[in-house]
Protein backbone atom coordinates (compact mmCIF):
# COMPACT_ATOMS: atom_id res chain seq x y z
CA MET A 1 22.14 99.07 -93.62
CA ALA A 2 21.06 95.65 -94.82
CA SER A 3 20.95 93.65 -98.03
CA ILE A 4 18.00 94.20 -100.36
CA ARG A 5 15.92 91.89 -102.50
CA THR A 6 15.60 92.98 -106.12
CA GLU A 7 15.01 91.53 -109.58
CA ALA A 8 17.54 90.58 -112.23
CA ALA A 9 18.03 88.64 -115.46
CA LEU A 10 20.21 85.60 -114.71
CA LEU A 11 22.29 83.44 -117.01
CA ARG A 12 22.02 79.92 -115.60
CA ALA A 13 23.49 77.96 -118.52
CA ALA A 14 25.32 78.98 -121.68
CA GLY A 15 23.09 78.90 -124.73
CA GLU A 16 19.90 79.37 -122.74
CA PRO A 17 17.76 82.52 -122.53
CA LEU A 18 18.24 84.75 -119.51
CA ALA A 19 15.73 84.11 -116.72
CA VAL A 20 14.26 87.05 -114.79
CA GLY A 21 13.98 86.31 -111.09
CA ALA A 22 14.72 87.37 -107.52
CA LEU A 23 18.21 88.43 -106.47
CA VAL A 24 19.64 89.51 -103.13
CA VAL A 25 22.14 92.40 -103.26
CA ASP A 26 24.55 92.78 -100.35
CA GLU A 27 24.88 96.00 -98.36
CA PRO A 28 27.59 98.39 -99.60
CA GLU A 29 31.14 97.98 -98.36
CA PRO A 30 32.73 101.21 -97.04
CA HIS A 31 33.94 102.31 -100.51
CA GLU A 32 30.91 101.09 -102.47
CA VAL A 33 27.66 102.62 -103.62
CA LEU A 34 24.32 100.93 -104.25
CA VAL A 35 22.92 102.12 -107.58
CA SER A 36 19.30 101.85 -108.67
CA VAL A 37 19.69 101.05 -112.36
CA SER A 38 17.65 103.15 -114.78
CA HIS A 39 18.93 101.90 -118.14
CA VAL A 40 21.47 99.37 -119.35
CA GLY A 41 22.70 98.80 -122.91
CA LEU A 42 23.08 95.38 -124.48
CA CYS A 43 26.65 94.88 -125.63
CA HIS A 44 27.93 92.30 -128.11
CA SER A 45 30.25 90.99 -125.40
CA ASP A 46 27.15 90.11 -123.35
CA LEU A 47 26.01 88.02 -126.30
CA HIS A 48 29.34 86.16 -126.27
CA TYR A 49 28.66 85.07 -122.67
CA VAL A 50 25.07 84.10 -123.45
CA ARG A 51 26.29 81.92 -126.33
CA GLY A 52 29.17 80.48 -124.30
CA THR A 53 31.95 81.72 -126.60
CA LEU A 54 33.29 83.59 -123.56
CA GLU A 55 33.22 81.90 -120.17
CA VAL A 56 31.77 83.22 -116.95
CA GLU A 57 31.08 81.52 -113.64
CA LEU A 58 27.43 80.48 -113.43
CA PRO A 59 24.85 81.49 -112.38
CA ALA A 60 25.70 85.03 -113.38
CA VAL A 61 24.19 88.43 -113.99
CA LEU A 62 25.59 89.96 -117.19
CA GLY A 63 25.46 93.58 -118.30
CA HIS A 64 27.87 96.46 -117.75
CA GLU A 65 26.69 99.48 -119.78
CA VAL A 66 24.78 101.11 -116.92
CA ALA A 67 23.29 104.43 -115.92
CA GLY A 68 21.30 104.94 -112.76
CA VAL A 69 20.86 106.78 -109.48
CA VAL A 70 22.84 106.32 -106.27
CA GLU A 71 20.53 104.90 -103.63
CA ARG A 72 22.93 104.18 -100.75
CA THR A 73 26.57 104.92 -99.99
CA GLY A 74 29.16 103.08 -97.93
CA ALA A 75 30.60 104.57 -94.76
CA ASP A 76 33.77 105.91 -96.43
CA VAL A 77 32.19 107.31 -99.60
CA SER A 78 32.74 111.06 -99.81
CA GLY A 79 32.23 112.09 -103.42
CA LEU A 80 28.72 110.78 -104.06
CA ARG A 81 25.37 111.12 -102.34
CA PRO A 82 22.00 109.39 -102.65
CA GLY A 83 20.16 110.88 -105.61
CA ASP A 84 23.27 111.44 -107.72
CA ARG A 85 22.95 110.25 -111.34
CA VAL A 86 25.90 108.13 -112.48
CA VAL A 87 27.36 106.16 -115.33
CA VAL A 88 29.18 102.99 -114.30
CA SER A 89 32.74 102.26 -115.41
CA LEU A 90 33.53 98.54 -115.67
CA VAL A 91 37.23 99.19 -115.05
CA PRO A 92 37.62 100.56 -111.51
CA SER A 93 41.21 101.60 -110.87
CA CYS A 94 43.37 102.17 -107.82
CA GLY A 95 44.57 105.61 -108.92
CA ARG A 96 48.03 104.99 -107.43
CA CYS A 97 49.87 102.37 -109.50
CA GLY A 98 52.25 103.32 -112.31
CA TYR A 99 49.63 102.77 -115.00
CA CYS A 100 47.01 104.90 -113.25
CA GLU A 101 49.47 107.70 -112.55
CA SER A 102 50.57 107.72 -116.20
CA GLY A 103 46.97 108.12 -117.38
CA ARG A 104 46.24 104.49 -118.28
CA PRO A 105 43.66 103.39 -115.66
CA THR A 106 42.13 100.71 -117.91
CA ILE A 107 45.22 98.54 -117.32
CA CYS A 108 45.53 99.30 -113.58
CA SER A 109 47.94 96.76 -112.07
CA ARG A 110 45.90 96.54 -108.86
CA SER A 111 42.47 96.08 -110.45
CA GLY A 112 42.08 92.62 -108.91
CA GLU A 113 42.72 94.02 -105.46
CA VAL A 114 40.31 96.90 -106.08
CA ARG A 115 37.55 94.50 -107.13
CA ARG A 116 37.97 92.15 -104.16
CA ARG A 117 35.23 92.12 -101.51
CA PRO A 118 34.74 89.87 -98.45
CA ARG A 119 31.27 88.59 -99.39
CA PRO A 120 29.45 87.88 -102.65
CA ALA A 121 27.75 91.00 -103.95
CA TYR A 122 24.87 88.91 -105.31
CA THR A 123 23.17 85.78 -104.03
CA LEU A 124 19.99 83.92 -104.82
CA PRO A 125 17.33 83.97 -102.10
CA ASP A 126 18.59 80.53 -100.95
CA GLY A 127 22.10 81.91 -100.42
CA THR A 128 23.71 80.58 -103.62
CA PRO A 129 26.42 83.02 -104.78
CA VAL A 130 25.81 84.68 -108.15
CA ALA A 131 28.66 86.00 -110.29
CA ARG A 132 28.43 89.46 -111.83
CA LEU A 133 30.06 90.23 -115.13
CA ALA A 134 32.99 92.66 -114.78
CA ASP A 135 32.00 93.03 -111.12
CA VAL A 136 29.03 95.09 -112.32
CA GLY A 137 26.21 92.67 -113.20
CA GLY A 138 24.11 95.40 -114.73
CA PHE A 139 21.02 93.37 -115.68
CA SER A 140 19.76 93.92 -112.14
CA ARG A 141 17.49 96.64 -110.83
CA HIS A 142 20.13 97.33 -108.15
CA ILE A 143 23.92 96.95 -108.36
CA LEU A 144 26.97 97.54 -106.17
CA VAL A 145 30.06 99.29 -107.53
CA ARG A 146 33.16 100.94 -106.11
CA GLU A 147 32.83 104.69 -105.60
CA ASN A 148 35.47 105.46 -108.23
CA ALA A 149 33.59 103.30 -110.76
CA ALA A 150 30.48 105.48 -110.48
CA VAL A 151 31.01 108.54 -112.69
CA PRO A 152 28.65 111.52 -112.26
CA LEU A 153 26.29 111.98 -115.22
CA PRO A 154 25.36 115.59 -116.03
CA GLY A 155 21.70 116.30 -115.42
CA ASP A 156 20.93 117.26 -119.01
CA VAL A 157 21.93 113.84 -120.38
CA PRO A 158 19.03 111.33 -120.10
CA THR A 159 19.99 107.98 -118.57
CA LEU A 160 18.42 106.32 -121.64
CA VAL A 161 21.40 107.50 -123.69
CA GLY A 162 23.77 108.21 -120.83
CA CYS A 163 24.28 104.48 -120.31
CA LEU A 164 25.98 104.33 -123.73
CA LEU A 165 28.81 106.46 -122.34
CA GLY A 166 29.76 103.60 -120.02
CA CYS A 167 30.84 101.21 -122.76
CA CYS A 168 30.20 101.66 -126.48
CA VAL A 169 30.89 105.39 -126.63
CA ALA A 170 33.81 105.22 -124.19
CA THR A 171 35.25 102.30 -126.15
CA GLY A 172 34.67 103.64 -129.66
CA VAL A 173 35.41 107.33 -129.27
CA GLY A 174 38.17 106.59 -126.77
CA ALA A 175 39.90 104.22 -129.21
CA VAL A 176 40.07 107.05 -131.75
CA PHE A 177 41.52 109.67 -129.40
CA HIS A 178 43.31 107.78 -126.61
CA GLY A 179 44.28 104.68 -128.58
CA ALA A 180 45.03 105.35 -132.23
CA GLY A 181 45.40 109.11 -132.08
CA VAL A 182 43.59 109.84 -135.36
CA ARG A 183 44.70 113.14 -136.88
CA PRO A 184 42.69 115.72 -138.87
CA GLY A 185 42.63 114.86 -142.56
CA SER A 186 43.30 111.16 -141.96
CA SER A 187 41.70 108.23 -143.75
CA VAL A 188 39.90 105.72 -141.52
CA ALA A 189 38.13 102.38 -141.96
CA VAL A 190 35.82 100.86 -139.36
CA ILE A 191 35.10 97.13 -139.52
CA GLY A 192 31.85 96.36 -137.73
CA CYS A 193 29.29 99.14 -137.30
CA GLY A 194 27.24 98.07 -134.30
CA GLY A 195 27.28 100.18 -131.14
CA VAL A 196 31.05 100.35 -130.70
CA GLY A 197 31.78 100.70 -134.42
CA SER A 198 29.22 103.50 -134.73
CA ALA A 199 30.98 105.29 -131.88
CA VAL A 200 34.32 104.82 -133.68
CA VAL A 201 32.79 106.41 -136.80
CA GLN A 202 31.64 109.36 -134.72
CA GLY A 203 35.02 109.61 -133.03
CA ALA A 204 36.75 109.68 -136.43
CA ARG A 205 34.40 112.44 -137.57
CA LEU A 206 35.07 114.43 -134.40
CA ALA A 207 38.82 113.94 -134.92
CA GLY A 208 38.55 115.52 -138.37
CA ALA A 209 39.14 112.44 -140.53
CA SER A 210 38.56 113.28 -144.18
CA GLU A 211 37.63 109.77 -145.28
CA ILE A 212 35.73 107.29 -143.10
CA VAL A 213 34.93 103.93 -144.69
CA ALA A 214 32.34 101.80 -142.87
CA VAL A 215 32.49 98.01 -143.38
CA ASP A 216 29.64 95.76 -142.23
CA LEU A 217 27.48 92.84 -143.34
CA SER A 218 24.25 94.72 -142.56
CA ALA A 219 22.86 97.24 -145.03
CA ASP A 220 20.90 98.84 -142.17
CA ARG A 221 24.05 99.39 -140.14
CA LEU A 222 25.88 100.79 -143.15
CA ARG A 223 23.08 103.29 -143.73
CA ALA A 224 23.25 104.27 -140.06
CA ALA A 225 27.04 104.64 -140.29
CA MET A 226 26.59 107.22 -143.04
CA SER A 227 24.35 109.23 -140.74
CA TYR A 228 27.05 109.14 -138.02
CA GLY A 229 29.72 110.48 -140.34
CA ALA A 230 30.97 107.73 -142.65
CA THR A 231 31.87 109.01 -146.11
CA ALA A 232 31.70 105.62 -147.87
CA THR A 233 30.55 102.06 -147.18
CA VAL A 234 31.79 98.61 -148.12
CA ASP A 235 29.74 95.43 -147.94
CA GLY A 236 31.54 93.07 -145.57
CA ALA A 237 30.32 90.14 -147.66
CA ALA A 238 32.13 91.38 -150.78
CA PRO A 239 34.44 88.78 -152.39
CA ASP A 240 37.49 90.95 -151.70
CA VAL A 241 36.90 93.50 -148.95
CA ARG A 242 40.51 94.66 -149.03
CA ALA A 243 40.22 95.50 -152.72
CA ALA A 244 36.89 97.25 -152.11
CA VAL A 245 38.40 99.46 -149.40
CA HIS A 246 41.44 100.21 -151.59
CA ALA A 247 39.07 101.18 -154.40
CA VAL A 248 37.67 103.88 -152.11
CA VAL A 249 41.02 104.90 -150.60
CA PRO A 250 43.80 103.98 -153.05
CA GLY A 251 46.75 102.41 -151.26
CA GLY A 252 44.79 101.75 -148.08
CA VAL A 253 43.77 103.74 -145.03
CA GLU A 254 45.97 105.32 -142.40
CA PHE A 255 43.87 104.04 -139.50
CA SER A 256 41.65 100.96 -139.25
CA PHE A 257 39.49 99.82 -136.36
CA GLU A 258 38.26 96.28 -135.76
CA ALA A 259 34.98 96.36 -133.79
CA VAL A 260 33.65 92.85 -134.41
CA GLY A 261 35.68 90.57 -132.17
CA SER A 262 37.19 87.91 -134.44
CA GLY A 263 40.63 86.94 -135.65
CA ARG A 264 39.56 87.17 -139.28
CA THR A 265 38.37 90.76 -139.05
CA ALA A 266 41.45 91.75 -137.03
CA GLU A 267 43.61 90.38 -139.86
CA LEU A 268 41.49 92.32 -142.33
CA ALA A 269 42.11 95.48 -140.33
CA VAL A 270 45.83 95.05 -140.95
CA ALA A 271 45.40 94.14 -144.62
CA ILE A 272 43.47 97.32 -145.51
CA LEU A 273 46.14 99.63 -144.08
CA ARG A 274 48.59 101.59 -146.17
CA PRO A 275 52.27 101.26 -145.17
CA GLY A 276 52.88 103.00 -141.87
CA GLY A 277 49.21 102.71 -140.88
CA THR A 278 47.79 101.69 -137.51
CA ALA A 279 45.22 98.96 -136.89
CA THR A 280 43.39 99.21 -133.58
CA VAL A 281 41.69 96.07 -132.29
CA VAL A 282 38.67 97.06 -130.22
CA GLY A 283 36.29 94.08 -130.44
CA ILE A 284 36.39 91.36 -127.76
CA ALA A 285 37.09 88.03 -129.44
CA PRO A 286 36.17 84.58 -128.08
CA SER A 287 38.71 82.95 -125.76
CA GLY A 288 41.62 81.34 -127.62
CA THR A 289 41.32 83.54 -130.71
CA THR A 290 44.63 84.28 -132.44
CA VAL A 291 45.50 86.93 -135.02
CA ALA A 292 47.99 86.12 -137.79
CA VAL A 293 49.89 89.11 -139.14
CA PRO A 294 52.40 88.72 -142.02
CA ALA A 295 55.88 89.63 -140.80
CA ASP A 296 56.46 91.80 -143.88
CA ALA A 297 53.51 93.96 -142.88
CA LEU A 298 55.31 94.82 -139.66
CA PHE A 299 58.95 94.99 -140.71
CA VAL A 300 58.81 96.13 -144.33
CA GLU A 301 55.58 98.14 -144.40
CA GLU A 302 55.90 99.37 -140.80
CA LYS A 303 52.27 98.75 -140.01
CA ARG A 304 51.30 98.92 -136.34
CA VAL A 305 48.76 96.76 -134.51
CA ILE A 306 47.51 97.98 -131.13
CA GLY A 307 44.78 97.01 -128.71
CA SER A 308 42.43 99.42 -127.00
CA TYR A 309 40.58 98.05 -123.99
CA MET A 310 37.54 100.18 -123.18
CA GLY A 311 38.98 102.85 -125.46
CA SER A 312 41.89 103.36 -123.04
CA SER A 313 39.36 105.62 -121.35
CA ARG A 314 39.73 108.01 -118.43
CA MET A 315 36.09 107.98 -117.48
CA HIS A 316 35.98 110.81 -114.95
CA ALA A 317 37.48 113.16 -117.54
CA ASP A 318 35.80 111.67 -120.62
CA VAL A 319 32.16 111.55 -119.51
CA PRO A 320 31.85 115.32 -118.97
CA GLU A 321 33.46 115.90 -122.38
CA TYR A 322 31.09 113.45 -124.11
CA ALA A 323 28.17 115.16 -122.38
CA ARG A 324 29.36 118.51 -123.73
CA LEU A 325 29.59 117.10 -127.25
CA TYR A 326 26.10 115.62 -126.89
CA ARG A 327 24.67 118.99 -125.82
CA ARG A 328 26.25 120.61 -128.89
CA GLY A 329 24.72 117.98 -131.18
CA ALA A 330 28.21 116.81 -132.17
CA LEU A 331 27.92 113.38 -130.50
CA LEU A 332 24.77 111.59 -131.62
CA LEU A 333 23.43 109.40 -128.83
CA ASP A 334 19.64 109.42 -129.26
CA GLU A 335 20.09 108.19 -132.83
CA MET A 336 22.17 105.20 -131.65
CA VAL A 337 19.34 103.70 -129.59
CA SER A 338 17.51 101.41 -132.02
CA GLU A 339 15.23 99.59 -129.58
CA VAL A 340 14.16 99.98 -125.95
CA VAL A 341 12.83 96.92 -124.11
CA PRO A 342 11.72 96.26 -120.52
CA LEU A 343 13.69 93.81 -118.35
CA ALA A 344 11.02 91.14 -118.90
CA GLU A 345 11.79 91.25 -122.65
CA ILE A 346 15.59 91.31 -122.45
CA ASN A 347 15.88 88.15 -124.57
CA ASP A 348 13.95 89.90 -127.34
CA GLY A 349 16.56 92.64 -127.13
CA PHE A 350 19.31 90.10 -127.80
CA ASP A 351 17.29 88.84 -130.77
CA PHE A 352 17.34 92.37 -132.22
CA MET A 353 21.12 92.30 -131.89
CA ARG A 354 21.43 88.91 -133.59
CA HIS A 355 19.46 90.15 -136.61
CA GLY A 356 22.13 92.80 -137.20
CA LYS A 357 19.73 95.73 -137.58
CA ALA A 358 20.21 97.47 -134.26
CA THR A 359 22.95 99.93 -133.40
CA ARG A 360 22.21 99.67 -129.69
CA VAL A 361 19.41 98.03 -127.72
CA VAL A 362 18.74 99.51 -124.27
CA VAL A 363 16.86 97.87 -121.41
CA ASP A 364 14.57 100.23 -119.48
CA MET A 365 14.85 98.82 -115.95
CA GLY A 366 11.92 100.88 -114.73
CA ALA A 367 9.46 99.63 -117.34
């Protein structure tokens, strides 16, 4: 096998639009697969890197919410074959460390070792190495990933919506079930109702929450949240959001989820809890962000603050379950895709995100 020349959207400088151009993708290592990307979702974390609020080595290919088809396999790959449809997990795990064996692969202690490879996966045609976000670099027509990071996608789930399972659905629904452990009859508030927040709303509905309060600055997103299962909405621009949430759920909610990625909204997630409640921080905040929590909230009111990276997901078990829920009409995926753009118009897709109207924008890599 040999490297291939493909096309990708590159970030060359923070604050600048992505530039579509030629990219060389290395041949697969023994435990890697080459995936021909069908669709990739635009995530708010990608926007952080474009703006420069999160740092990445440049030039880089961003993108991680990927669905596609296996095109080549490395010599030691045994579980996948060319032609298999897959969703990509951005957290490949070793499967053998204490965290993996206890069912927490998203915090695998050997993830750095698992990600290591002897040569750059991506280069420019002149040989310049190109970084790939999360060792995926999904805004490329072809990508390389470890075999255990390529999760089979059932044939009745279109890749257009299947890509959402790789990040926003895994993160949002996973945070409800694997992270917070929402119980039937619970009260829930979701701060930020973009792709991840919308998935949290759906997860809360699936968990049997009796009250689901959606909080966002966008009226469009709040209307969409109601269609996903929210029972009430609160304008995030209200003078006192805490009071507005407490007006809906007197005394505060049992579970809150922060899906924006800022210290201020994480603090709000704690403030809207009732005593004994749990705030789950899901959004990725800019580097250096801190969260201030009053000590009384922890010691006197016994509130809990937890993090949930990628929904604490177990992708090989979760994806088939999400596919089953989608087939039943219980997990709404088609409705989450607000816009579909070709690779050449990827910057327009980010503009849709900035305007706050889209739940999820998906890039059709074949268009």
